[in-house]
Amino acid sequence: MTRSERLEAELGKTIDRLVREYADLGEELPWTVTRALIHRAVHYSMESDGVEFCALATYLGEMLGHAHTLAHGENPSAPEHKDQLH
């Protein structure tokens, strides 16, 4: 496991800890955590040297596609796509 992979694993553990500590937020917790992570990551990247805006924008776009596949699967003609509006 590379050092970068270890960092990502540690971030996963931190997210798990936050989810346990803020479980009282109930159904709003997943969206609250997601929003906060993205917001803080954007600030971190723009305040740090070495992260170029266009690279960040491209990566965020790729992650939207990744999230879409995780939510709906690989087949864009699958029935679950017909029920979803974005």
PDB file of N, CA and C in Angstrom:
ATOM      1  N   MET A   1       0.846  -1.172   0.000  1.00  0.00           N
ATOM      2  CA  MET A   1       0.000   0.000   0.000  1.00  0.00           C
ATOM      3  C   MET A   1       0.897   1.243   0.000  1.00  0.00           C
ATOM      4  N   THR A   2       0.617   2.139  -0.923  1.00  0.00           N
ATOM      5  CA  THR A   2       1.416   3.360  -1.004  1.00  0.00           C
ATOM      6  C   THR A   2       1.034   4.318   0.125  1.00  0.00           C
ATOM      7  N   ARG A   3       1.869   5.303   0.319  1.00  0.00           N
ATOM      8  CA  ARG A   3       1.599   6.313   1.345  1.00  0.00           C
ATOM      9  C   ARG A   3       0.292   7.060   1.042  1.00  0.00           C
ATOM     10  N   SER A   4       0.058   7.357  -0.225  1.00  0.00           N
ATOM     11  CA  SER A   4      -1.191   8.021  -0.621  1.00  0.00           C
ATOM     12  C   SER A   4      -2.407   7.142  -0.310  1.00  0.00           C
ATOM     13  N   GLU A   5      -2.277   5.848  -0.562  1.00  0.00           N
ATOM     14  CA  GLU A   5      -3.374   4.920  -0.254  1.00  0.00           C
ATOM     15  C   GLU A   5      -3.610   4.846   1.254  1.00  0.00           C
ATOM     16  N   ARG A   6      -2.529   4.893   2.030  1.00  0.00           N
ATOM     17  CA  ARG A   6      -2.674   4.886   3.497  1.00  0.00           C
ATOM     18  C   ARG A   6      -3.387   6.146   3.971  1.00  0.00           C
ATOM     19  N   LEU A   7      -3.049   7.287   3.359  1.00  0.00           N
ATOM     20  CA  LEU A   7      -3.722   8.542   3.712  1.00  0.00           C
ATOM     21  C   LEU A   7      -5.219   8.446   3.428  1.00  0.00           C
ATOM     22  N   GLU A   8      -5.575   7.922   2.260  1.00  0.00           N
ATOM     23  CA  GLU A   8      -6.994   7.786   1.919  1.00  0.00           C
ATOM     24  C   GLU A   8      -7.700   6.835   2.881  1.00  0.00           C
ATOM     25  N   ALA A   9      -7.035   5.759   3.286  1.00  0.00           N
ATOM     26  CA  ALA A   9      -7.612   4.828   4.264  1.00  0.00           C
ATOM     27  C   ALA A   9      -7.826   5.519   5.604  1.00  0.00           C
ATOM     28  N   GLU A  10      -6.874   6.338   6.018  1.00  0.00           N
ATOM     29  CA  GLU A  10      -7.020   7.091   7.277  1.00  0.00           C
ATOM     30  C   GLU A  10      -8.172   8.080   7.198  1.00  0.00           C
ATOM     31  N   LEU A  11      -8.338   8.711   6.049  1.00  0.00           N
ATOM     32  CA  LEU A  11      -9.470   9.625   5.875  1.00  0.00           C
ATOM     33  C   LEU A  11     -10.793   8.857   5.987  1.00  0.00           C
ATOM     34  N   GLY A  12     -10.811   7.637   5.454  1.00  0.00           N
ATOM     35  CA  GLY A  12     -12.000   6.791   5.594  1.00  0.00           C
ATOM     36  C   GLY A  12     -12.313   6.503   7.049  1.00  0.00           C
ATOM     37  N   LYS A  13     -11.278   6.243   7.849  1.00  0.00           N
ATOM     38  CA  LYS A  13     -11.477   6.003   9.285  1.00  0.00           C
ATOM     39  C   LYS A  13     -11.996   7.261   9.979  1.00  0.00           C
ATOM     40  N   THR A  14     -11.487   8.411   9.569  1.00  0.00           N
ATOM     41  CA  THR A  14     -11.959   9.676  10.142  1.00  0.00           C
ATOM     42  C   THR A  14     -13.431   9.901   9.812  1.00  0.00           C
ATOM     43  N   ILE A  15     -13.810   9.600   8.583  1.00  0.00           N
ATOM     44  CA  ILE A  15     -15.221   9.723   8.197  1.00  0.00           C
ATOM     45  C   ILE A  15     -16.076   8.784   9.042  1.00  0.00           C
ATOM     46  N   ASP A  16     -15.634   7.544   9.216  1.00  0.00           N
ATOM     47  CA  ASP A  16     -16.381   6.584  10.037  1.00  0.00           C
ATOM     48  C   ASP A  16     -16.564   7.108  11.461  1.00  0.00           C
ATOM     49  N   ARG A  17     -15.500   7.704  12.025  1.00  0.00           N
ATOM     50  CA  ARG A  17     -15.584   8.260  13.378  1.00  0.00           C
ATOM     51  C   ARG A  17     -16.589   9.419  13.424  1.00  0.00           C
ATOM     52  N   LEU A  18     -16.542  10.301  12.441  1.00  0.00           N
ATOM     53  CA  LEU A  18     -17.475  11.428  12.404  1.00  0.00           C
ATOM     54  C   LEU A  18     -18.921  10.949  12.274  1.00  0.00           C
ATOM     55  N   VAL A  19     -19.129   9.929  11.469  1.00  0.00           N
ATOM     56  CA  VAL A  19     -20.477   9.380  11.294  1.00  0.00           C
ATOM     57  C   VAL A  19     -21.007   8.843  12.624  1.00  0.00           C
ATOM     58  N   ARG A  20     -20.140   8.194  13.388  1.00  0.00           N
ATOM     59  CA  ARG A  20     -20.574   7.695  14.706  1.00  0.00           C
ATOM     60  C   ARG A  20     -20.862   8.859  15.651  1.00  0.00           C
ATOM     61  N   GLU A  21     -19.993   9.860  15.665  1.00  0.00           N
ATOM     62  CA  GLU A  21     -20.129  10.978  16.597  1.00  0.00           C
ATOM     63  C   GLU A  21     -21.319  11.884  16.282  1.00  0.00           C
ATOM     64  N   TYR A  22     -21.722  11.932  15.022  1.00  0.00           N
ATOM     65  CA  TYR A  22     -22.815  12.812  14.622  1.00  0.00           C
ATOM     66  C   TYR A  22     -24.046  12.027  14.157  1.00  0.00           C
ATOM     67  N   ALA A  23     -24.173  10.808  14.636  1.00  0.00           N
ATOM     68  CA  ALA A  23     -25.298   9.953  14.244  1.00  0.00           C
ATOM     69  C   ALA A  23     -26.642  10.591  14.567  1.00  0.00           C
ATOM     70  N   ASP A  24     -26.659  11.492  15.551  1.00  0.00           N
ATOM     71  CA  ASP A  24     -27.914  12.148  15.930  1.00  0.00           C
ATOM     72  C   ASP A  24     -28.478  13.025  14.807  1.00  0.00           C
ATOM     73  N   LEU A  25     -27.700  13.298  13.769  1.00  0.00           N
ATOM     74  CA  LEU A  25     -28.208  14.072  12.639  1.00  0.00           C
ATOM     75  C   LEU A  25     -29.155  13.251  11.769  1.00  0.00           C
ATOM     76  N   GLY A  26     -29.181  11.951  12.022  1.00  0.00           N
ATOM     77  CA  GLY A  26     -30.139  11.075  11.341  1.00  0.00           C
ATOM     78  C   GLY A  26     -29.984  11.057   9.834  1.00  0.00           C
ATOM     79  N   GLU A  27     -31.116  11.194   9.145  1.00  0.00           N
ATOM     80  CA  GLU A  27     -31.143  11.066   7.687  1.00  0.00           C
ATOM     81  C   GLU A  27     -30.340  12.148   6.980  1.00  0.00           C
ATOM     82  N   GLU A  28     -30.137  13.291   7.625  1.00  0.00           N
ATOM     83  CA  GLU A  28     -29.382  14.362   6.969  1.00  0.00           C
ATOM     84  C   GLU A  28     -27.865  14.150   7.051  1.00  0.00           C
ATOM     85  N   LEU A  29     -27.423  13.176   7.859  1.00  0.00           N
ATOM     86  CA  LEU A  29     -25.993  12.959   8.071  1.00  0.00           C
ATOM     87  C   LEU A  29     -25.208  12.683   6.790  1.00  0.00           C
ATOM     88  N   PRO A  30     -25.625  11.745   5.921  1.00  0.00           N
ATOM     89  CA  PRO A  30     -24.812  11.471   4.731  1.00  0.00           C
ATOM     90  C   PRO A  30     -24.590  12.714   3.857  1.00  0.00           C
ATOM     91  N   TRP A  31     -25.634  13.491   3.644  1.00  0.00           N
ATOM     92  CA  TRP A  31     -25.493  14.678   2.811  1.00  0.00           C
ATOM     93  C   TRP A  31     -24.665  15.744   3.530  1.00  0.00           C
ATOM     94  N   THR A  32     -24.833  15.891   4.831  1.00  0.00           N
ATOM     95  CA  THR A  32     -24.063  16.865   5.598  1.00  0.00           C
ATOM     96  C   THR A  32     -22.579  16.531   5.552  1.00  0.00           C
ATOM     97  N   VAL A  33     -22.228  15.267   5.756  1.00  0.00           N
ATOM     98  CA  VAL A  33     -20.825  14.846   5.718  1.00  0.00           C
ATOM     99  C   VAL A  33     -20.262  15.045   4.308  1.00  0.00           C
ATOM    100  N   THR A  34     -20.994  14.632   3.297  1.00  0.00           N
ATOM    101  CA  THR A  34     -20.534  14.763   1.920  1.00  0.00           C
ATOM    102  C   THR A  34     -20.295  16.220   1.559  1.00  0.00           C
ATOM    103  N   ARG A  35     -21.255  17.058   1.869  1.00  0.00           N
ATOM    104  CA  ARG A  35     -21.143  18.490   1.573  1.00  0.00           C
ATOM    105  C   ARG A  35     -19.936  19.103   2.277  1.00  0.00           C
ATOM    106  N   ALA A  36     -19.765  18.773   3.559  1.00  0.00           N
ATOM    107  CA  ALA A  36     -18.653  19.325   4.342  1.00  0.00           C
ATOM    108  C   ALA A  36     -17.305  18.866   3.796  1.00  0.00           C
ATOM    109  N   LEU A  37     -17.198  17.590   3.442  1.00  0.00           N
ATOM    110  CA  LEU A  37     -15.935  17.077   2.908  1.00  0.00           C
ATOM    111  C   LEU A  37     -15.574  17.752   1.586  1.00  0.00           C
ATOM    112  N   ILE A  38     -16.547  17.865   0.702  1.00  0.00           N
ATOM    113  CA  ILE A  38     -16.288  18.502  -0.588  1.00  0.00           C
ATOM    114  C   ILE A  38     -15.904  19.965  -0.382  1.00  0.00           C
ATOM    115  N   HIS A  39     -16.646  20.671   0.454  1.00  0.00           N
ATOM    116  CA  HIS A  39     -16.379  22.084   0.703  1.00  0.00           C
ATOM    117  C   HIS A  39     -14.977  22.290   1.264  1.00  0.00           C
ATOM    118  N   ARG A  40     -14.629  21.512   2.305  1.00  0.00           N
ATOM    119  CA  ARG A  40     -13.307  21.656   2.912  1.00  0.00           C
ATOM    120  C   ARG A  40     -12.209  21.256   1.929  1.00  0.00           C
ATOM    121  N   ALA A  41     -12.442  20.219   1.129  1.00  0.00           N
ATOM    122  CA  ALA A  41     -11.446  19.781   0.149  1.00  0.00           C
ATOM    123  C   ALA A  41     -11.205  20.860  -0.908  1.00  0.00           C
ATOM    124  N   VAL A  42     -12.263  21.512  -1.343  1.00  0.00           N
ATOM    125  CA  VAL A  42     -12.110  22.584  -2.327  1.00  0.00           C
ATOM    126  C   VAL A  42     -11.288  23.719  -1.719  1.00  0.00           C
ATOM    127  N   HIS A  43     -11.605  24.106  -0.495  1.00  0.00           N
ATOM    128  CA  HIS A  43     -10.818  25.161   0.159  1.00  0.00           C
ATOM    129  C   HIS A  43      -9.359  24.734   0.315  1.00  0.00           C
ATOM    130  N   TYR A  44      -9.134  23.519   0.797  1.00  0.00           N
ATOM    131  CA  TYR A  44      -7.771  23.029   0.984  1.00  0.00           C
ATOM    132  C   TYR A  44      -7.003  23.072  -0.337  1.00  0.00           C
ATOM    133  N   SER A  45      -7.627  22.587  -1.395  1.00  0.00           N
ATOM    134  CA  SER A  45      -6.932  22.525  -2.677  1.00  0.00           C
ATOM    135  C   SER A  45      -6.600  23.911  -3.218  1.00  0.00           C
ATOM    136  N   MET A  46      -7.496  24.861  -3.063  1.00  0.00           N
ATOM    137  CA  MET A  46      -7.251  26.196  -3.608  1.00  0.00           C
ATOM    138  C   MET A  46      -6.306  27.016  -2.735  1.00  0.00           C
ATOM    139  N   GLU A  47      -6.194  26.655  -1.463  1.00  0.00           N
ATOM    140  CA  GLU A  47      -5.287  27.367  -0.560  1.00  0.00           C
ATOM    141  C   GLU A  47      -3.894  26.744  -0.556  1.00  0.00           C
ATOM    142  N   SER A  48      -3.731  25.604  -1.228  1.00  0.00           N
ATOM    143  CA  SER A  48      -2.455  24.891  -1.260  1.00  0.00           C
ATOM    144  C   SER A  48      -1.768  25.132  -2.591  1.00  0.00           C
ATOM    145  N   ASP A  49      -0.465  25.232  -2.543  1.00  0.00           N
ATOM    146  CA  ASP A  49       0.299  25.290  -3.790  1.00  0.00           C
ATOM    147  C   ASP A  49       0.251  23.916  -4.459  1.00  0.00           C
ATOM    148  N   GLY A  50       0.222  23.916  -5.761  1.00  0.00           N
ATOM    149  CA  GLY A  50       0.322  22.658  -6.483  1.00  0.00           C
ATOM    150  C   GLY A  50      -0.991  22.056  -6.918  1.00  0.00           C
ATOM    151  N   VAL A  51      -2.125  22.668  -6.579  1.00  0.00           N
ATOM    152  CA  VAL A  51      -3.417  22.167  -7.067  1.00  0.00           C
ATOM    153  C   VAL A  51      -3.958  23.213  -8.035  1.00  0.00           C
ATOM    154  N   GLU A  52      -4.039  22.838  -9.280  1.00  0.00           N
ATOM    155  CA  GLU A  52      -4.480  23.752 -10.322  1.00  0.00           C
ATOM    156  C   GLU A  52      -5.997  23.652 -10.459  1.00  0.00           C
ATOM    157  N   PHE A  53      -6.663  24.798 -10.624  1.00  0.00           N
ATOM    158  CA  PHE A  53      -8.119  24.836 -10.664  1.00  0.00           C
ATOM    159  C   PHE A  53      -8.701  23.893 -11.712  1.00  0.00           C
ATOM    160  N   CYS A  54      -8.169  23.901 -12.917  1.00  0.00           N
ATOM    161  CA  CYS A  54      -8.742  23.063 -13.977  1.00  0.00           C
ATOM    162  C   CYS A  54      -8.598  21.571 -13.667  1.00  0.00           C
ATOM    163  N   ALA A  55      -7.502  21.193 -13.015  1.00  0.00           N
ATOM    164  CA  ALA A  55      -7.337  19.792 -12.604  1.00  0.00           C
ATOM    165  C   ALA A  55      -8.395  19.430 -11.566  1.00  0.00           C
ATOM    166  N   LEU A  56      -8.654  20.335 -10.627  1.00  0.00           N
ATOM    167  CA  LEU A  56      -9.694  20.100  -9.618  1.00  0.00           C
ATOM    168  C   LEU A  56     -11.060  19.976 -10.276  1.00  0.00           C
ATOM    169  N   ALA A  57     -11.372  20.889 -11.184  1.00  0.00           N
ATOM    170  CA  ALA A  57     -12.675  20.859 -11.855  1.00  0.00           C
ATOM    171  C   ALA A  57     -12.857  19.570 -12.652  1.00  0.00           C
ATOM    172  N   THR A  58     -11.811  19.147 -13.340  1.00  0.00           N
ATOM    173  CA  THR A  58     -11.875  17.900 -14.111  1.00  0.00           C
ATOM    174  C   THR A  58     -12.103  16.710 -13.184  1.00  0.00           C
ATOM    175  N   TYR A  59     -11.372  16.668 -12.077  1.00  0.00           N
ATOM    176  CA  TYR A  59     -11.517  15.559 -11.136  1.00  0.00           C
ATOM    177  C   TYR A  59     -12.923  15.522 -10.536  1.00  0.00           C
ATOM    178  N   LEU A  60     -13.443  16.677 -10.162  1.00  0.00           N
ATOM    179  CA  LEU A  60     -14.805  16.721  -9.613  1.00  0.00           C
ATOM    180  C   LEU A  60     -15.812  16.214 -10.640  1.00  0.00           C
ATOM    181  N   GLY A  61     -15.630  16.580 -11.898  1.00  0.00           N
ATOM    182  CA  GLY A  61     -16.503  16.064 -12.958  1.00  0.00           C
ATOM    183  C   GLY A  61     -16.415  14.554 -13.078  1.00  0.00           C
ATOM    184  N   GLU A  62     -15.187  14.023 -12.998  1.00  0.00           N
ATOM    185  CA  GLU A  62     -15.010  12.568 -13.046  1.00  0.00           C
ATOM    186  C   GLU A  62     -15.692  11.902 -11.854  1.00  0.00           C
ATOM    187  N   MET A  63     -15.632  12.519 -10.695  1.00  0.00           N
ATOM    188  CA  MET A  63     -16.250  11.951  -9.503  1.00  0.00           C
ATOM    189  C   MET A  63     -17.775  11.961  -9.607  1.00  0.00           C
ATOM    190  N   LEU A  64     -18.340  12.944 -10.316  1.00  0.00           N
ATOM    191  CA  LEU A  64     -19.787  12.932 -10.555  1.00  0.00           C
ATOM    192  C   LEU A  64     -20.178  11.716 -11.374  1.00  0.00           C
ATOM    193  N   GLY A  65     -19.400  11.421 -12.407  1.00  0.00           N
ATOM    194  CA  GLY A  65     -19.659  10.226 -13.202  1.00  0.00           C
ATOM    195  C   GLY A  65     -19.495   8.961 -12.375  1.00  0.00           C
ATOM    196  N   HIS A  66     -18.488   8.943 -11.518  1.00  0.00           N
ATOM    197  CA  HIS A  66     -18.252   7.799 -10.632  1.00  0.00           C
ATOM    198  C   HIS A  66     -19.442   7.611  -9.685  1.00  0.00           C
ATOM    199  N   ALA A  67     -19.912   8.700  -9.095  1.00  0.00           N
ATOM    200  CA  ALA A  67     -21.065   8.627  -8.191  1.00  0.00           C
ATOM    201  C   ALA A  67     -22.306   8.143  -8.927  1.00  0.00           C
ATOM    202  N   HIS A  68     -22.482   8.598 -10.150  1.00  0.00           N
ATOM    203  CA  HIS A  68     -23.641   8.189 -10.940  1.00  0.00           C
ATOM    204  C   HIS A  68     -23.616   6.692 -11.194  1.00  0.00           C
ATOM    205  N   THR A  69     -22.436   6.160 -11.522  1.00  0.00           N
ATOM    206  CA  THR A  69     -22.297   4.718 -11.735  1.00  0.00           C
ATOM    207  C   THR A  69     -22.548   3.953 -10.441  1.00  0.00           C
ATOM    208  N   LEU A  70     -22.028   4.461  -9.314  1.00  0.00           N
ATOM    209  CA  LEU A  70     -22.264   3.793  -8.032  1.00  0.00           C
ATOM    210  C   LEU A  70     -23.755   3.765  -7.690  1.00  0.00           C
ATOM    211  N   ALA A  71     -24.452   4.840  -8.015  1.00  0.00           N
ATOM    212  CA  ALA A  71     -25.876   4.941  -7.681  1.00  0.00           C
ATOM    213  C   ALA A  71     -26.760   4.135  -8.615  1.00  0.00           C
ATOM    214  N   HIS A  72     -26.434   4.121  -9.897  1.00  0.00           N
ATOM    215  CA  HIS A  72     -27.349   3.569 -10.889  1.00  0.00           C
ATOM    216  C   HIS A  72     -26.804   2.416 -11.707  1.00  0.00           C
ATOM    217  N   GLY A  73     -25.529   2.096 -11.543  1.00  0.00           N
ATOM    218  CA  GLY A  73     -24.948   1.014 -12.327  1.00  0.00           C
ATOM    219  C   GLY A  73     -24.380   1.499 -13.645  1.00  0.00           C
ATOM    220  N   GLU A  74     -23.843   0.563 -14.386  1.00  0.00           N
ATOM    221  CA  GLU A  74     -23.139   0.871 -15.638  1.00  0.00           C
ATOM    222  C   GLU A  74     -24.066   1.097 -16.833  1.00  0.00           C
ATOM    223  N   ASN A  75     -25.274   0.562 -16.776  1.00  0.00           N
ATOM    224  CA  ASN A  75     -26.167   0.563 -17.935  1.00  0.00           C
ATOM    225  C   ASN A  75     -27.076   1.802 -17.921  1.00  0.00           C
ATOM    226  N   PRO A  76     -26.839   2.785 -18.798  1.00  0.00           N
ATOM    227  CA  PRO A  76     -27.659   3.991 -18.790  1.00  0.00           C
ATOM    228  C   PRO A  76     -29.100   3.753 -19.218  1.00  0.00           C
ATOM    229  N   SER A  77     -29.404   2.601 -19.816  1.00  0.00           N
ATOM    230  CA  SER A  77     -30.792   2.319 -20.196  1.00  0.00           C
ATOM    231  C   SER A  77     -31.512   1.478 -19.143  1.00  0.00           C
ATOM    232  N   ALA A  78     -30.868   1.259 -18.007  1.00  0.00           N
ATOM    233  CA  ALA A  78     -31.488   0.471 -16.933  1.00  0.00           C
ATOM    234  C   ALA A  78     -32.730   1.190 -16.407  1.00  0.00           C
ATOM    235  N   PRO A  79     -33.723   0.441 -15.927  1.00  0.00           N
ATOM    236  CA  PRO A  79     -34.963   1.033 -15.437  1.00  0.00           C
ATOM    237  C   PRO A  79     -34.761   2.089 -14.346  1.00  0.00           C
ATOM    238  N   GLU A  80     -33.762   1.894 -13.476  1.00  0.00           N
ATOM    239  CA  GLU A  80     -33.578   2.861 -12.400  1.00  0.00           C
ATOM    240  C   GLU A  80     -33.203   4.251 -12.913  1.00  0.00           C
ATOM    241  N   HIS A  81     -32.655   4.334 -14.116  1.00  0.00           N
ATOM    242  CA  HIS A  81     -32.333   5.643 -14.688  1.00  0.00           C
ATOM    243  C   HIS A  81     -33.583   6.391 -15.123  1.00  0.00           C
ATOM    244  N   LYS A  82     -34.588   5.670 -15.531  1.00  0.00           N
ATOM    245  CA  LYS A  82     -35.817   6.315 -15.993  1.00  0.00           C
ATOM    246  C   LYS A  82     -36.591   6.960 -14.835  1.00  0.00           C
ATOM    247  N   ASP A  83     -36.353   6.500 -13.605  1.00  0.00           N
ATOM    248  CA  ASP A  83     -37.070   7.022 -12.439  1.00  0.00           C
ATOM    249  C   ASP A  83     -36.331   8.181 -11.771  1.00  0.00           C
ATOM    250  N   GLN A  84     -35.111   8.455 -12.201  1.00  0.00           N
ATOM    251  CA  GLN A  84     -34.286   9.466 -11.543  1.00  0.00           C
ATOM    252  C   GLN A  84     -34.228  10.737 -12.382  1.00  0.00           C
ATOM    253  N   LEU A  85     -34.391  11.845 -11.711  1.00  0.00           N
ATOM    254  CA  LEU A  85     -34.209  13.151 -12.334  1.00  0.00           C
ATOM    255  C   LEU A  85     -33.083  13.861 -11.641  1.00  0.00           C
ATOM    256  N   HIS A  86     -32.203  14.462 -12.415  1.00  0.00           N
ATOM    257  CA  HIS A  86     -31.068  15.185 -11.851  1.00  0.00           C
ATOM    258  C   HIS A  86     -31.236  16.659 -12.132  1.00  0.00           C
TER     259      HIS A  86
END
